[in-house]
Amino acid sequence: MSVAVACGKCGKTIAVMKMLKPLKDVMRQYDGKCPSCGFALSSAEFTLDVEKG
């Protein structure tokens, strides 16, 4: 199973993880902003969508 982290504004996939890690670690790689649209990412405001694959 893998987990995709996507921007809440533009929907662009920011990271795909095979093992869960803290969202802060993912955000740190991109200075807390979406690399596509520059939207400020927040670990406090997120949703989790689960798809059976």
N, C-alpha and C. Protein backbone atom coordinates (compact mmCIF):
# COMPACT_ATOMS: atom_id res chain seq x y z
N MET A 1 0.85 -1.17 0.00
CA MET A 1 0.00 0.00 0.00
C MET A 1 0.89 1.23 0.00
N SER A 2 0.51 2.24 -0.73
CA SER A 2 1.25 3.49 -0.73
C SER A 2 0.31 4.64 -0.38
N VAL A 3 0.91 5.72 0.06
CA VAL A 3 0.15 6.90 0.47
C VAL A 3 0.62 8.07 -0.38
N ALA A 4 -0.33 8.79 -0.97
CA ALA A 4 0.00 9.97 -1.77
C ALA A 4 -0.36 11.23 -0.98
N VAL A 5 0.55 12.20 -0.98
CA VAL A 5 0.30 13.50 -0.36
C VAL A 5 0.09 14.48 -1.51
N ALA A 6 -1.07 15.14 -1.52
CA ALA A 6 -1.40 16.04 -2.61
C ALA A 6 -1.72 17.43 -2.08
N CYS A 7 -1.49 18.45 -2.88
CA CYS A 7 -1.81 19.83 -2.54
C CYS A 7 -3.33 19.99 -2.48
N GLY A 8 -3.80 20.67 -1.44
CA GLY A 8 -5.23 20.89 -1.29
C GLY A 8 -5.78 21.94 -2.23
N LYS A 9 -4.90 22.74 -2.82
CA LYS A 9 -5.35 23.79 -3.73
C LYS A 9 -5.34 23.32 -5.18
N CYS A 10 -4.19 22.85 -5.66
CA CYS A 10 -4.09 22.49 -7.08
C CYS A 10 -4.25 20.99 -7.34
N GLY A 11 -4.17 20.16 -6.28
CA GLY A 11 -4.34 18.72 -6.44
C GLY A 11 -3.10 17.98 -6.90
N LYS A 12 -2.02 18.68 -7.14
CA LYS A 12 -0.77 18.06 -7.60
C LYS A 12 -0.21 17.14 -6.51
N THR A 13 0.24 15.96 -6.89
CA THR A 13 0.84 15.03 -5.95
C THR A 13 2.22 15.55 -5.56
N ILE A 14 2.41 15.71 -4.25
CA ILE A 14 3.66 16.24 -3.73
C ILE A 14 4.62 15.10 -3.39
N ALA A 15 4.10 14.02 -2.83
CA ALA A 15 4.93 12.88 -2.46
C ALA A 15 4.10 11.61 -2.46
N VAL A 16 4.76 10.50 -2.74
CA VAL A 16 4.14 9.18 -2.63
C VAL A 16 5.05 8.36 -1.71
N MET A 17 4.45 7.83 -0.65
CA MET A 17 5.24 7.11 0.36
C MET A 17 4.79 5.66 0.42
N LYS A 18 5.74 4.76 0.54
CA LYS A 18 5.41 3.35 0.75
C LYS A 18 5.28 3.07 2.24
N MET A 19 5.97 3.87 3.04
CA MET A 19 5.87 3.77 4.49
C MET A 19 5.47 5.15 5.01
N LEU A 20 4.55 5.17 5.95
CA LEU A 20 4.11 6.45 6.50
C LEU A 20 5.23 7.14 7.24
N LYS A 21 5.30 8.44 7.08
CA LYS A 21 6.21 9.26 7.86
C LYS A 21 5.47 10.55 8.19
N PRO A 22 5.93 11.29 9.16
CA PRO A 22 5.22 12.52 9.55
C PRO A 22 5.08 13.50 8.38
N LEU A 23 3.92 14.14 8.30
CA LEU A 23 3.69 15.13 7.24
C LEU A 23 4.70 16.27 7.32
N LYS A 24 5.14 16.61 8.52
CA LYS A 24 6.13 17.68 8.66
C LYS A 24 7.42 17.35 7.91
N ASP A 25 7.80 16.07 7.87
CA ASP A 25 8.99 15.67 7.13
C ASP A 25 8.80 15.88 5.63
N VAL A 26 7.61 15.59 5.13
CA VAL A 26 7.30 15.80 3.71
C VAL A 26 7.31 17.30 3.41
N MET A 27 6.66 18.08 4.26
CA MET A 27 6.57 19.53 4.04
C MET A 27 7.93 20.20 4.10
N ARG A 28 8.80 19.71 4.97
CA ARG A 28 10.13 20.31 5.14
C ARG A 28 10.92 20.26 3.83
N GLN A 29 10.74 19.19 3.05
CA GLN A 29 11.44 19.05 1.77
C GLN A 29 11.09 20.17 0.80
N TYR A 30 9.89 20.74 0.96
CA TYR A 30 9.41 21.76 0.03
C TYR A 30 9.23 23.11 0.71
N ASP A 31 9.90 23.31 1.83
CA ASP A 31 9.84 24.57 2.57
C ASP A 31 8.40 24.96 2.94
N GLY A 32 7.55 23.94 3.16
CA GLY A 32 6.18 24.18 3.60
C GLY A 32 5.24 24.70 2.54
N LYS A 33 5.66 24.62 1.27
CA LYS A 33 4.82 25.13 0.17
C LYS A 33 4.72 24.09 -0.94
N CYS A 34 3.59 24.09 -1.63
CA CYS A 34 3.42 23.21 -2.78
C CYS A 34 4.43 23.61 -3.86
N PRO A 35 5.21 22.66 -4.37
CA PRO A 35 6.20 23.00 -5.41
C PRO A 35 5.56 23.42 -6.73
N SER A 36 4.28 23.11 -6.92
CA SER A 36 3.60 23.44 -8.16
C SER A 36 2.97 24.83 -8.14
N CYS A 37 2.19 25.12 -7.07
CA CYS A 37 1.44 26.39 -7.05
C CYS A 37 1.87 27.35 -5.94
N GLY A 38 2.72 26.88 -5.01
CA GLY A 38 3.20 27.75 -3.94
C GLY A 38 2.25 27.86 -2.75
N PHE A 39 1.16 27.11 -2.74
CA PHE A 39 0.19 27.15 -1.65
C PHE A 39 0.86 26.69 -0.35
N ALA A 40 0.61 27.40 0.75
CA ALA A 40 1.19 27.06 2.04
C ALA A 40 0.57 25.78 2.57
N LEU A 41 1.40 24.76 2.82
CA LEU A 41 0.95 23.48 3.32
C LEU A 41 0.87 23.51 4.84
N SER A 42 -0.09 22.81 5.41
CA SER A 42 -0.27 22.79 6.85
C SER A 42 -0.52 21.36 7.32
N SER A 43 0.24 20.92 8.33
CA SER A 43 0.02 19.57 8.86
C SER A 43 -1.22 19.53 9.74
N ALA A 44 -1.73 20.69 10.14
CA ALA A 44 -2.93 20.75 10.98
C ALA A 44 -4.20 20.65 10.14
N GLU A 45 -4.12 21.00 8.88
CA GLU A 45 -5.29 20.99 8.00
C GLU A 45 -5.04 20.03 6.84
N PHE A 46 -5.54 18.81 6.98
CA PHE A 46 -5.40 17.85 5.90
C PHE A 46 -6.54 16.86 5.95
N THR A 47 -6.76 16.19 4.85
CA THR A 47 -7.76 15.12 4.81
C THR A 47 -7.06 13.85 4.35
N LEU A 48 -7.69 12.75 4.64
CA LEU A 48 -7.14 11.46 4.27
C LEU A 48 -8.15 10.74 3.40
N ASP A 49 -7.79 10.47 2.17
CA ASP A 49 -8.64 9.71 1.26
C ASP A 49 -8.00 8.34 1.06
N VAL A 50 -8.78 7.30 1.30
CA VAL A 50 -8.28 5.94 1.17
C VAL A 50 -8.97 5.28 -0.01
N GLU A 51 -8.15 4.69 -0.88
CA GLU A 51 -8.68 3.98 -2.04
C GLU A 51 -8.19 2.55 -2.00
N LYS A 52 -9.08 1.63 -2.24
CA LYS A 52 -8.69 0.23 -2.30
C LYS A 52 -8.04 -0.02 -3.63
N GLY A 53 -6.84 -0.56 -3.63
CA GLY A 53 -6.11 -0.71 -4.87
C GLY A 53 -5.78 -2.04 -5.20
